Amino acid sequence: MPEICRFYGIVIRMFFEDHPPPHFHAEYGSSEILVDIRSLSAMAGRLPPRAHGLVVEWAAQHQDELLDLWKKAVEMEPLHKIEPLG
């Protein structure tokens, strides 16, 4: 599962050929969440509130880019990194 971004101890990844809807995985410590790219809502899992807020803020800034990466991941194309929250 390629890492597409890392900031404040949060790691953002996408699986190749993953199931719909378009989403990404965010990990912080031992916690993980799956985030729907279109709605920016949690599909599964849980992060501490501060980490969750940072993930949603980052995703909102990069929503179009995340959707483009999702399409690439489904088609097994190489994924590039996205700028971290800063």
Protein backbone atom coordinates (compact mmCIF):
# COMPACT_ATOMS: atom_id res chain seq x y z
CA MET A 1 0.00 0.00 0.00
CA PRO A 2 1.80 3.14 -1.19
CA GLU A 3 2.34 5.98 1.23
CA ILE A 4 1.16 9.21 -0.37
CA CYS A 5 1.77 11.63 2.51
CA ARG A 6 3.10 11.92 6.05
CA PHE A 7 2.65 14.80 8.51
CA TYR A 8 2.55 15.21 12.31
CA GLY A 9 2.97 11.45 12.77
CA ILE A 10 0.00 10.70 10.50
CA VAL A 11 0.58 8.41 7.51
CA ILE A 12 -1.76 8.54 4.52
CA ARG A 13 -1.91 5.52 2.20
CA MET A 14 -3.93 4.13 -0.70
CA PHE A 15 -4.29 0.52 -1.77
CA PHE A 16 -3.99 -0.51 -5.40
CA GLU A 17 -7.21 -2.01 -6.81
CA ASP A 18 -9.12 -1.16 -3.60
CA HIS A 19 -12.90 -1.35 -3.21
CA PRO A 20 -15.23 1.63 -3.86
CA PRO A 21 -16.09 4.27 -2.83
CA PRO A 22 -12.91 6.29 -3.40
CA HIS A 23 -11.10 6.49 -0.06
CA PHE A 24 -7.73 6.59 1.66
CA HIS A 25 -6.33 5.13 4.86
CA ALA A 26 -4.88 7.36 7.59
CA GLU A 27 -2.82 5.89 10.42
CA TYR A 28 -1.77 7.56 13.63
CA GLY A 29 0.00 5.37 16.17
CA SER A 30 -2.06 2.21 16.49
CA SER A 31 -5.24 3.89 15.22
CA GLU A 32 -6.49 3.82 11.63
CA ILE A 33 -9.37 5.38 9.75
CA LEU A 34 -10.72 5.02 6.21
CA VAL A 35 -11.89 8.35 4.79
CA ASP A 36 -14.31 8.76 1.88
CA ILE A 37 -12.63 11.23 -0.48
CA ARG A 38 -15.85 12.78 -1.76
CA SER A 39 -17.60 13.41 1.57
CA LEU A 40 -14.47 13.48 3.79
CA SER A 41 -16.38 11.35 6.28
CA ALA A 42 -15.07 8.33 8.16
CA MET A 43 -16.05 5.02 6.57
CA ALA A 44 -14.45 2.82 9.22
CA GLY A 45 -12.06 3.06 12.10
CA ARG A 46 -11.20 5.91 14.40
CA LEU A 47 -8.42 8.40 15.12
CA PRO A 48 -7.93 10.66 18.13
CA PRO A 49 -10.00 13.84 17.57
CA ARG A 50 -7.02 16.15 16.90
CA ALA A 51 -5.49 13.72 14.36
CA HIS A 52 -8.89 13.21 12.72
CA GLY A 53 -9.30 16.96 12.32
CA LEU A 54 -5.85 17.31 10.75
CA VAL A 55 -6.61 14.50 8.29
CA VAL A 56 -9.89 16.10 7.21
CA GLU A 57 -8.23 19.53 6.88
CA TRP A 58 -5.45 18.04 4.72
CA ALA A 59 -7.92 16.03 2.60
CA ALA A 60 -10.09 19.10 1.98
CA GLN A 61 -7.05 20.94 0.63
CA HIS A 62 -6.16 18.04 -1.70
CA GLN A 63 -9.55 16.53 -2.57
CA ASP A 64 -9.19 16.77 -6.36
CA GLU A 65 -5.67 15.39 -6.23
CA LEU A 66 -6.83 12.51 -4.02
CA LEU A 67 -9.57 11.63 -6.53
CA ASP A 68 -6.96 11.62 -9.33
CA LEU A 69 -4.71 9.34 -7.27
CA TRP A 70 -7.66 7.03 -6.57
CA LYS A 71 -8.20 6.60 -10.31
CA LYS A 72 -4.50 5.81 -10.76
CA ALA A 73 -4.55 3.31 -7.90
CA VAL A 74 -7.56 1.49 -9.36
CA GLU A 75 -5.72 1.26 -12.69
CA MET A 76 -2.49 0.11 -10.98
CA GLU A 77 -0.59 3.21 -12.12
CA PRO A 78 2.23 4.71 -10.02
CA LEU A 79 1.13 7.11 -7.31
CA HIS A 80 2.92 10.34 -6.47
CA LYS A 81 3.26 12.00 -3.09
CA ILE A 82 0.97 14.83 -2.01
CA GLU A 83 2.27 17.81 -0.06
CA PRO A 84 1.84 17.48 3.71
CA LEU A 85 -0.23 19.72 5.90
CA GLY A 86 1.99 22.49 7.04
